[in-house]
Amino acid sequence: MDDLRASPAVDIVGAVAMALPAVTVYVVEPHVRQLPRRLAELPNVRSAGSAEAIKEADIVALLVNHDSFRAINKTKLVGKVVYDTRGLRR
């Protein structure tokens, strides 16, 4: 999907970013070139590749069913808190 307007993940990311303004929220979305305006306007939200986001994050939230997320090496998630809302890490 190259249109995120209907994605609940956008609402979740926005809510987290607004609730935690001192925290950088990394967004990994391999199917779009730029973040929706309402996320891009938040100063603590950054678009990133999965390797960078996982490296930098303490908490990883898997909010959408992308094959590239299934392929994430589990050893990269050691020591991270992982919220898998899609059952990708089974």
PDB file of N, CA and C in Angstrom:
ATOM      1  N   MET A   1       0.852  -1.173   0.000  1.00  0.00           N
ATOM      2  CA  MET A   1       0.000   0.000   0.000  1.00  0.00           C
ATOM      3  C   MET A   1       0.897   1.234   0.000  1.00  0.00           C
ATOM      4  N   ASP A   2       0.666   2.141  -0.932  1.00  0.00           N
ATOM      5  CA  ASP A   2       1.481   3.348  -0.969  1.00  0.00           C
ATOM      6  C   ASP A   2       0.722   4.559  -0.442  1.00  0.00           C
ATOM      7  N   ASP A   3      -0.420   4.330   0.167  1.00  0.00           N
ATOM      8  CA  ASP A   3      -1.228   5.395   0.749  1.00  0.00           C
ATOM      9  C   ASP A   3      -1.534   5.022   2.194  1.00  0.00           C
ATOM     10  N   LEU A   4      -0.959   5.760   3.121  1.00  0.00           N
ATOM     11  CA  LEU A   4      -1.084   5.413   4.535  1.00  0.00           C
ATOM     12  C   LEU A   4      -2.247   6.093   5.242  1.00  0.00           C
ATOM     13  N   ARG A   5      -3.054   6.858   4.527  1.00  0.00           N
ATOM     14  CA  ARG A   5      -4.114   7.619   5.196  1.00  0.00           C
ATOM     15  C   ARG A   5      -5.065   6.747   5.997  1.00  0.00           C
ATOM     16  N   ALA A   6      -5.332   5.535   5.551  1.00  0.00           N
ATOM     17  CA  ALA A   6      -6.277   4.667   6.245  1.00  0.00           C
ATOM     18  C   ALA A   6      -5.595   3.716   7.226  1.00  0.00           C
ATOM     19  N   SER A   7      -4.304   3.820   7.386  1.00  0.00           N
ATOM     20  CA  SER A   7      -3.576   2.894   8.243  1.00  0.00           C
ATOM     21  C   SER A   7      -3.670   3.303   9.709  1.00  0.00           C
ATOM     22  N   PRO A   8      -4.131   2.398  10.576  1.00  0.00           N
ATOM     23  CA  PRO A   8      -4.155   2.694  12.012  1.00  0.00           C
ATOM     24  C   PRO A   8      -2.747   2.923  12.570  1.00  0.00           C
ATOM     25  N   ALA A   9      -1.733   2.397  11.904  1.00  0.00           N
ATOM     26  CA  ALA A   9      -0.353   2.592  12.364  1.00  0.00           C
ATOM     27  C   ALA A   9       0.009   4.073  12.415  1.00  0.00           C
ATOM     28  N   VAL A  10      -0.534   4.863  11.517  1.00  0.00           N
ATOM     29  CA  VAL A  10      -0.267   6.302  11.506  1.00  0.00           C
ATOM     30  C   VAL A  10      -0.794   6.931  12.790  1.00  0.00           C
ATOM     31  N   ASP A  11      -1.989   6.547  13.194  1.00  0.00           N
ATOM     32  CA  ASP A  11      -2.568   7.068  14.441  1.00  0.00           C
ATOM     33  C   ASP A  11      -1.737   6.652  15.650  1.00  0.00           C
ATOM     34  N   ILE A  12      -1.288   5.399  15.657  1.00  0.00           N
ATOM     35  CA  ILE A  12      -0.491   4.894  16.781  1.00  0.00           C
ATOM     36  C   ILE A  12       0.836   5.638  16.871  1.00  0.00           C
ATOM     37  N   VAL A  13       1.526   5.779  15.753  1.00  0.00           N
ATOM     38  CA  VAL A  13       2.809   6.497  15.748  1.00  0.00           C
ATOM     39  C   VAL A  13       2.611   7.940  16.196  1.00  0.00           C
ATOM     40  N   GLY A  14       1.589   8.598  15.693  1.00  0.00           N
ATOM     41  CA  GLY A  14       1.314   9.979  16.086  1.00  0.00           C
ATOM     42  C   GLY A  14       1.047  10.103  17.574  1.00  0.00           C
ATOM     43  N   ALA A  15       0.263   9.188  18.120  1.00  0.00           N
ATOM     44  CA  ALA A  15      -0.062   9.235  19.549  1.00  0.00           C
ATOM     45  C   ALA A  15       1.186   9.013  20.403  1.00  0.00           C
ATOM     46  N   VAL A  16       2.023   8.060  20.015  1.00  0.00           N
ATOM     47  CA  VAL A  16       3.258   7.798  20.768  1.00  0.00           C
ATOM     48  C   VAL A  16       4.178   9.015  20.689  1.00  0.00           C
ATOM     49  N   ALA A  17       4.347   9.557  19.499  1.00  0.00           N
ATOM     50  CA  ALA A  17       5.242  10.709  19.325  1.00  0.00           C
ATOM     51  C   ALA A  17       4.765  11.915  20.128  1.00  0.00           C
ATOM     52  N   MET A  18       3.472  12.147  20.179  1.00  0.00           N
ATOM     53  CA  MET A  18       2.962  13.292  20.931  1.00  0.00           C
ATOM     54  C   MET A  18       3.027  13.058  22.438  1.00  0.00           C
ATOM     55  N   ALA A  19       2.850  11.805  22.851  1.00  0.00           N
ATOM     56  CA  ALA A  19       2.910  11.491  24.283  1.00  0.00           C
ATOM     57  C   ALA A  19       4.337  11.514  24.821  1.00  0.00           C
ATOM     58  N   LEU A  20       5.305  11.265  23.944  1.00  0.00           N
ATOM     59  CA  LEU A  20       6.712  11.186  24.354  1.00  0.00           C
ATOM     60  C   LEU A  20       7.569  12.124  23.488  1.00  0.00           C
ATOM     61  N   PRO A  21       7.403  13.416  23.626  1.00  0.00           N
ATOM     62  CA  PRO A  21       8.097  14.360  22.731  1.00  0.00           C
ATOM     63  C   PRO A  21       9.620  14.336  22.842  1.00  0.00           C
ATOM     64  N   ALA A  22      10.161  13.824  23.926  1.00  0.00           N
ATOM     65  CA  ALA A  22      11.621  13.770  24.073  1.00  0.00           C
ATOM     66  C   ALA A  22      12.227  12.503  23.455  1.00  0.00           C
ATOM     67  N   VAL A  23      11.380  11.634  22.922  1.00  0.00           N
ATOM     68  CA  VAL A  23      11.826  10.360  22.364  1.00  0.00           C
ATOM     69  C   VAL A  23      11.755  10.422  20.837  1.00  0.00           C
ATOM     70  N   THR A  24      12.789   9.922  20.160  1.00  0.00           N
ATOM     71  CA  THR A  24      12.746   9.819  18.704  1.00  0.00           C
ATOM     72  C   THR A  24      11.968   8.570  18.330  1.00  0.00           C
ATOM     73  N   VAL A  25      10.978   8.735  17.466  1.00  0.00           N
ATOM     74  CA  VAL A  25      10.159   7.626  16.986  1.00  0.00           C
ATOM     75  C   VAL A  25      10.572   7.358  15.542  1.00  0.00           C
ATOM     76  N   TYR A  26      11.137   6.183  15.318  1.00  0.00           N
ATOM     77  CA  TYR A  26      11.573   5.787  13.982  1.00  0.00           C
ATOM     78  C   TYR A  26      10.441   5.046  13.294  1.00  0.00           C
ATOM     79  N   VAL A  27      10.130   5.444  12.069  1.00  0.00           N
ATOM     80  CA  VAL A  27       9.069   4.816  11.290  1.00  0.00           C
ATOM     81  C   VAL A  27       9.717   4.091  10.116  1.00  0.00           C
ATOM     82  N   VAL A  28       9.438   2.808  10.006  1.00  0.00           N
ATOM     83  CA  VAL A  28       9.926   2.010   8.884  1.00  0.00           C
ATOM     84  C   VAL A  28       8.727   1.635   8.030  1.00  0.00           C
ATOM     85  N   GLU A  29       8.691   2.130   6.820  1.00  0.00           N
ATOM     86  CA  GLU A  29       7.606   1.828   5.892  1.00  0.00           C
ATOM     87  C   GLU A  29       8.232   1.656   4.518  1.00  0.00           C
ATOM     88  N   PRO A  30       8.515   0.404   4.140  1.00  0.00           N
ATOM     89  CA  PRO A  30       9.237   0.168   2.890  1.00  0.00           C
ATOM     90  C   PRO A  30       8.462   0.478   1.618  1.00  0.00           C
ATOM     91  N   HIS A  31       7.169   0.728   1.720  1.00  0.00           N
ATOM     92  CA  HIS A  31       6.361   0.925   0.515  1.00  0.00           C
ATOM     93  C   HIS A  31       5.987   2.378   0.220  1.00  0.00           C
ATOM     94  N   VAL A  32       6.489   3.310   0.990  1.00  0.00           N
ATOM     95  CA  VAL A  32       6.219   4.719   0.704  1.00  0.00           C
ATOM     96  C   VAL A  32       7.521   5.514   0.732  1.00  0.00           C
ATOM     97  N   ARG A  33       7.546   6.589  -0.013  1.00  0.00           N
ATOM     98  CA  ARG A  33       8.757   7.412  -0.105  1.00  0.00           C
ATOM     99  C   ARG A  33       8.837   8.479   0.977  1.00  0.00           C
ATOM    100  N   GLN A  34       7.689   8.938   1.433  1.00  0.00           N
ATOM    101  CA  GLN A  34       7.700   9.965   2.476  1.00  0.00           C
ATOM    102  C   GLN A  34       6.567   9.728   3.457  1.00  0.00           C
ATOM    103  N   LEU A  35       6.778  10.187   4.652  1.00  0.00           N
ATOM    104  CA  LEU A  35       5.776  10.033   5.698  1.00  0.00           C
ATOM    105  C   LEU A  35       4.568  10.913   5.410  1.00  0.00           C
ATOM    106  N   PRO A  36       3.401  10.512   5.888  1.00  0.00           N
ATOM    107  CA  PRO A  36       2.240  11.398   5.792  1.00  0.00           C
ATOM    108  C   PRO A  36       2.548  12.716   6.507  1.00  0.00           C
ATOM    109  N   ARG A  37       1.977  13.783   6.044  1.00  0.00           N
ATOM    110  CA  ARG A  37       2.272  15.116   6.567  1.00  0.00           C
ATOM    111  C   ARG A  37       2.111  15.200   8.085  1.00  0.00           C
ATOM    112  N   ARG A  38       1.052  14.592   8.613  1.00  0.00           N
ATOM    113  CA  ARG A  38       0.821  14.721  10.060  1.00  0.00           C
ATOM    114  C   ARG A  38       1.918  14.048  10.888  1.00  0.00           C
ATOM    115  N   LEU A  39       2.638  13.063  10.327  1.00  0.00           N
ATOM    116  CA  LEU A  39       3.789  12.494  11.018  1.00  0.00           C
ATOM    117  C   LEU A  39       5.055  13.276  10.709  1.00  0.00           C
ATOM    118  N   ALA A  40       5.214  13.668   9.468  1.00  0.00           N
ATOM    119  CA  ALA A  40       6.418  14.405   9.060  1.00  0.00           C
ATOM    120  C   ALA A  40       6.541  15.730   9.797  1.00  0.00           C
ATOM    121  N   GLU A  41       5.422  16.300  10.207  1.00  0.00           N
ATOM    122  CA  GLU A  41       5.452  17.580  10.921  1.00  0.00           C
ATOM    123  C   GLU A  41       5.827  17.441  12.392  1.00  0.00           C
ATOM    124  N   LEU A  42       5.834  16.227  12.910  1.00  0.00           N
ATOM    125  CA  LEU A  42       6.217  16.016  14.305  1.00  0.00           C
ATOM    126  C   LEU A  42       7.740  15.987  14.398  1.00  0.00           C
ATOM    127  N   PRO A  43       8.331  16.820  15.240  1.00  0.00           N
ATOM    128  CA  PRO A  43       9.795  16.948  15.254  1.00  0.00           C
ATOM    129  C   PRO A  43      10.535  15.705  15.734  1.00  0.00           C
ATOM    130  N   ASN A  44       9.867  14.805  16.413  1.00  0.00           N
ATOM    131  CA  ASN A  44      10.548  13.624  16.936  1.00  0.00           C
ATOM    132  C   ASN A  44      10.255  12.353  16.135  1.00  0.00           C
ATOM    133  N   VAL A  45       9.670  12.485  14.948  1.00  0.00           N
ATOM    134  CA  VAL A  45       9.391  11.334  14.088  1.00  0.00           C
ATOM    135  C   VAL A  45      10.353  11.353  12.909  1.00  0.00           C
ATOM    136  N   ARG A  46      10.999  10.203  12.669  1.00  0.00           N
ATOM    137  CA  ARG A  46      11.960  10.061  11.577  1.00  0.00           C
ATOM    138  C   ARG A  46      11.634   8.835  10.757  1.00  0.00           C
ATOM    139  N   SER A  47      11.738   8.956   9.456  1.00  0.00           N
ATOM    140  CA  SER A  47      11.653   7.807   8.572  1.00  0.00           C
ATOM    141  C   SER A  47      13.028   7.157   8.553  1.00  0.00           C
ATOM    142  N   ALA A  48      13.068   5.822   8.608  1.00  0.00           N
ATOM    143  CA  ALA A  48      14.350   5.123   8.651  1.00  0.00           C
ATOM    144  C   ALA A  48      14.198   3.738   8.039  1.00  0.00           C
ATOM    145  N   GLY A  49      15.312   3.141   7.724  1.00  0.00           N
ATOM    146  CA  GLY A  49      15.320   1.744   7.307  1.00  0.00           C
ATOM    147  C   GLY A  49      15.222   0.861   8.538  1.00  0.00           C
ATOM    148  N   SER A  50      14.868  -0.388   8.344  1.00  0.00           N
ATOM    149  CA  SER A  50      14.669  -1.265   9.499  1.00  0.00           C
ATOM    150  C   SER A  50      15.958  -1.485  10.280  1.00  0.00           C
ATOM    151  N   ALA A  51      17.095  -1.601   9.615  1.00  0.00           N
ATOM    152  CA  ALA A  51      18.356  -1.831  10.337  1.00  0.00           C
ATOM    153  C   ALA A  51      18.672  -0.664  11.270  1.00  0.00           C
ATOM    154  N   GLU A  52      18.547   0.565  10.776  1.00  0.00           N
ATOM    155  CA  GLU A  52      18.813   1.743  11.612  1.00  0.00           C
ATOM    156  C   GLU A  52      17.826   1.837  12.767  1.00  0.00           C
ATOM    157  N   ALA A  53      16.539   1.647  12.460  1.00  0.00           N
ATOM    158  CA  ALA A  53      15.511   1.777  13.491  1.00  0.00           C
ATOM    159  C   ALA A  53      15.706   0.751  14.602  1.00  0.00           C
ATOM    160  N   ILE A  54      15.995  -0.489  14.230  1.00  0.00           N
ATOM    161  CA  ILE A  54      16.198  -1.527  15.251  1.00  0.00           C
ATOM    162  C   ILE A  54      17.438  -1.231  16.070  1.00  0.00           C
ATOM    163  N   LYS A  55      18.481  -0.792  15.424  1.00  0.00           N
ATOM    164  CA  LYS A  55      19.723  -0.479  16.142  1.00  0.00           C
ATOM    165  C   LYS A  55      19.504   0.631  17.165  1.00  0.00           C
ATOM    166  N   GLU A  56      18.764   1.649  16.804  1.00  0.00           N
ATOM    167  CA  GLU A  56      18.582   2.826  17.650  1.00  0.00           C
ATOM    168  C   GLU A  56      17.488   2.660  18.702  1.00  0.00           C
ATOM    169  N   ALA A  57      16.543   1.776  18.465  1.00  0.00           N
ATOM    170  CA  ALA A  57      15.360   1.680  19.324  1.00  0.00           C
ATOM    171  C   ALA A  57      15.576   0.790  20.535  1.00  0.00           C
ATOM    172  N   ASP A  58      14.910   1.136  21.621  1.00  0.00           N
ATOM    173  CA  ASP A  58      14.808   0.261  22.783  1.00  0.00           C
ATOM    174  C   ASP A  58      13.531  -0.566  22.699  1.00  0.00           C
ATOM    175  N   ILE A  59      12.529   0.007  22.037  1.00  0.00           N
ATOM    176  CA  ILE A  59      11.230  -0.640  21.875  1.00  0.00           C
ATOM    177  C   ILE A  59      10.926  -0.721  20.383  1.00  0.00           C
ATOM    178  N   VAL A  60      10.515  -1.901  19.931  1.00  0.00           N
ATOM    179  CA  VAL A  60      10.162  -2.117  18.525  1.00  0.00           C
ATOM    180  C   VAL A  60       8.699  -2.525  18.476  1.00  0.00           C
ATOM    181  N   ALA A  61       7.906  -1.804  17.711  1.00  0.00           N
ATOM    182  CA  ALA A  61       6.487  -2.132  17.543  1.00  0.00           C
ATOM    183  C   ALA A  61       6.258  -2.534  16.092  1.00  0.00           C
ATOM    184  N   LEU A  62       5.834  -3.760  15.889  1.00  0.00           N
ATOM    185  CA  LEU A  62       5.509  -4.255  14.548  1.00  0.00           C
ATOM    186  C   LEU A  62       4.016  -4.059  14.356  1.00  0.00           C
ATOM    187  N   LEU A  63       3.659  -3.073  13.548  1.00  0.00           N
ATOM    188  CA  LEU A  63       2.264  -2.658  13.428  1.00  0.00           C
ATOM    189  C   LEU A  63       1.603  -3.077  12.120  1.00  0.00           C
ATOM    190  N   VAL A  64       2.385  -3.527  11.145  1.00  0.00           N
ATOM    191  CA  VAL A  64       1.835  -3.898   9.837  1.00  0.00           C
ATOM    192  C   VAL A  64       2.468  -5.193   9.343  1.00  0.00           C
ATOM    193  N   ASN A  65       1.798  -5.857   8.417  1.00  0.00           N
ATOM    194  CA  ASN A  65       2.240  -7.157   7.890  1.00  0.00           C
ATOM    195  C   ASN A  65       3.129  -6.988   6.659  1.00  0.00           C
ATOM    196  N   HIS A  66       4.361  -6.614   6.832  1.00  0.00           N
ATOM    197  CA  HIS A  66       5.282  -6.542   5.697  1.00  0.00           C
ATOM    198  C   HIS A  66       6.209  -7.748   5.725  1.00  0.00           C
ATOM    199  N   ASP A  67       6.426  -8.346   4.562  1.00  0.00           N
ATOM    200  CA  ASP A  67       7.325  -9.495   4.485  1.00  0.00           C
ATOM    201  C   ASP A  67       8.715  -9.151   5.014  1.00  0.00           C
ATOM    202  N   SER A  68       9.157  -7.930   4.766  1.00  0.00           N
ATOM    203  CA  SER A  68      10.494  -7.540   5.225  1.00  0.00           C
ATOM    204  C   SER A  68      10.570  -7.551   6.753  1.00  0.00           C
ATOM    205  N   PHE A  69       9.463  -7.356   7.439  1.00  0.00           N
ATOM    206  CA  PHE A  69       9.466  -7.416   8.894  1.00  0.00           C
ATOM    207  C   PHE A  69       9.550  -8.863   9.388  1.00  0.00           C
ATOM    208  N   ARG A  70       8.956  -9.781   8.628  1.00  0.00           N
ATOM    209  CA  ARG A  70       9.070 -11.208   8.965  1.00  0.00           C
ATOM    210  C   ARG A  70      10.521 -11.678   8.847  1.00  0.00           C
ATOM    211  N   ALA A  71      11.256 -11.045   7.953  1.00  0.00           N
ATOM    212  CA  ALA A  71      12.631 -11.464   7.671  1.00  0.00           C
ATOM    213  C   ALA A  71      13.656 -10.887   8.651  1.00  0.00           C
ATOM    214  N   ILE A  72      13.238 -10.076   9.583  1.00  0.00           N
ATOM    215  CA  ILE A  72      14.175  -9.484  10.544  1.00  0.00           C
ATOM    216  C   ILE A  72      14.811 -10.601  11.368  1.00  0.00           C
ATOM    217  N   ASN A  73      16.126 -10.586  11.426  1.00  0.00           N
ATOM    218  CA  ASN A  73      16.869 -11.573  12.200  1.00  0.00           C
ATOM    219  C   ASN A  73      16.552 -11.393  13.682  1.00  0.00           C
ATOM    220  N   LYS A  74      16.079 -12.440  14.315  1.00  0.00           N
ATOM    221  CA  LYS A  74      15.668 -12.367  15.722  1.00  0.00           C
ATOM    222  C   LYS A  74      16.811 -11.935  16.640  1.00  0.00           C
ATOM    223  N   THR A  75      18.043 -12.227  16.274  1.00  0.00           N
ATOM    224  CA  THR A  75      19.167 -11.824  17.123  1.00  0.00           C
ATOM    225  C   THR A  75      19.298 -10.308  17.189  1.00  0.00           C
ATOM    226  N   LYS A  76      18.796  -9.597  16.176  1.00  0.00           N
ATOM    227  CA  LYS A  76      18.839  -8.127  16.182  1.00  0.00           C
ATOM    228  C   LYS A  76      17.880  -7.551  17.218  1.00  0.00           C
ATOM    229  N   LEU A  77      16.926  -8.361  17.677  1.00  0.00           N
ATOM    230  CA  LEU A  77      15.913  -7.894  18.628  1.00  0.00           C
ATOM    231  C   LEU A  77      16.238  -8.258  20.075  1.00  0.00           C
ATOM    232  N   VAL A  78      17.358  -8.941  20.279  1.00  0.00           N
ATOM    233  CA  VAL A  78      17.749  -9.320  21.639  1.00  0.00           C
ATOM    234  C   VAL A  78      17.966  -8.050  22.460  1.00  0.00           C
ATOM    235  N   GLY A  79      17.388  -8.004  23.636  1.00  0.00           N
ATOM    236  CA  GLY A  79      17.502  -6.848  24.514  1.00  0.00           C
ATOM    237  C   GLY A  79      16.495  -5.746  24.226  1.00  0.00           C
ATOM    238  N   LYS A  80      15.675  -5.934  23.198  1.00  0.00           N
ATOM    239  CA  LYS A  80      14.637  -4.957  22.851  1.00  0.00           C
ATOM    240  C   LYS A  80      13.296  -5.417  23.415  1.00  0.00           C
ATOM    241  N   VAL A  81      12.447  -4.475  23.718  1.00  0.00           N
ATOM    242  CA  VAL A  81      11.053  -4.792  24.028  1.00  0.00           C
ATOM    243  C   VAL A  81      10.333  -4.799  22.692  1.00  0.00           C
ATOM    244  N   VAL A  82       9.682  -5.910  22.363  1.00  0.00           N
ATOM    245  CA  VAL A  82       9.022  -6.040  21.069  1.00  0.00           C
ATOM    246  C   VAL A  82       7.516  -6.191  21.262  1.00  0.00           C
ATOM    247  N   TYR A  83       6.766  -5.304  20.626  1.00  0.00           N
ATOM    248  CA  TYR A  83       5.306  -5.390  20.577  1.00  0.00           C
ATOM    249  C   TYR A  83       4.946  -5.830  19.168  1.00  0.00           C
ATOM    250  N   ASP A  84       4.548  -7.061  19.042  1.00  0.00           N
ATOM    251  CA  ASP A  84       4.211  -7.631  17.737  1.00  0.00           C
ATOM    252  C   ASP A  84       2.692  -7.719  17.620  1.00  0.00           C
ATOM    253  N   THR A  85       2.090  -6.711  17.024  1.00  0.00           N
ATOM    254  CA  THR A  85       0.642  -6.662  16.923  1.00  0.00           C
ATOM    255  C   THR A  85       0.110  -7.489  15.763  1.00  0.00           C
ATOM    256  N   ARG A  86       0.999  -8.046  14.938  1.00  0.00           N
ATOM    257  CA  ARG A  86       0.594  -8.772  13.741  1.00  0.00           C
ATOM    258  C   ARG A  86       0.968 -10.251  13.777  1.00  0.00           C
ATOM    259  N   GLY A  87       1.605 -10.725  14.828  1.00  0.00           N
ATOM    260  CA  GLY A  87       1.989 -12.130  14.912  1.00  0.00           C
ATOM    261  C   GLY A  87       3.110 -12.507  13.971  1.00  0.00           C
ATOM    262  N   LEU A  88       3.976 -11.555  13.661  1.00  0.00           N
ATOM    263  CA  LEU A  88       5.060 -11.797  12.710  1.00  0.00           C
ATOM    264  C   LEU A  88       6.224 -12.573  13.303  1.00  0.00           C
ATOM    265  N   ARG A  89       6.387 -12.546  14.608  1.00  0.00           N
ATOM    266  CA  ARG A  89       7.565 -13.136  15.251  1.00  0.00           C
ATOM    267  C   ARG A  89       7.322 -14.536  15.795  1.00  0.00           C
ATOM    268  N   ARG A  90       6.250 -15.151  15.424  1.00  0.00           N
ATOM    269  CA  ARG A  90       5.947 -16.510  15.920  1.00  0.00           C
ATOM    270  C   ARG A  90       6.935 -17.511  15.419  1.00  0.00           C
TER     271      ARG A  90
END
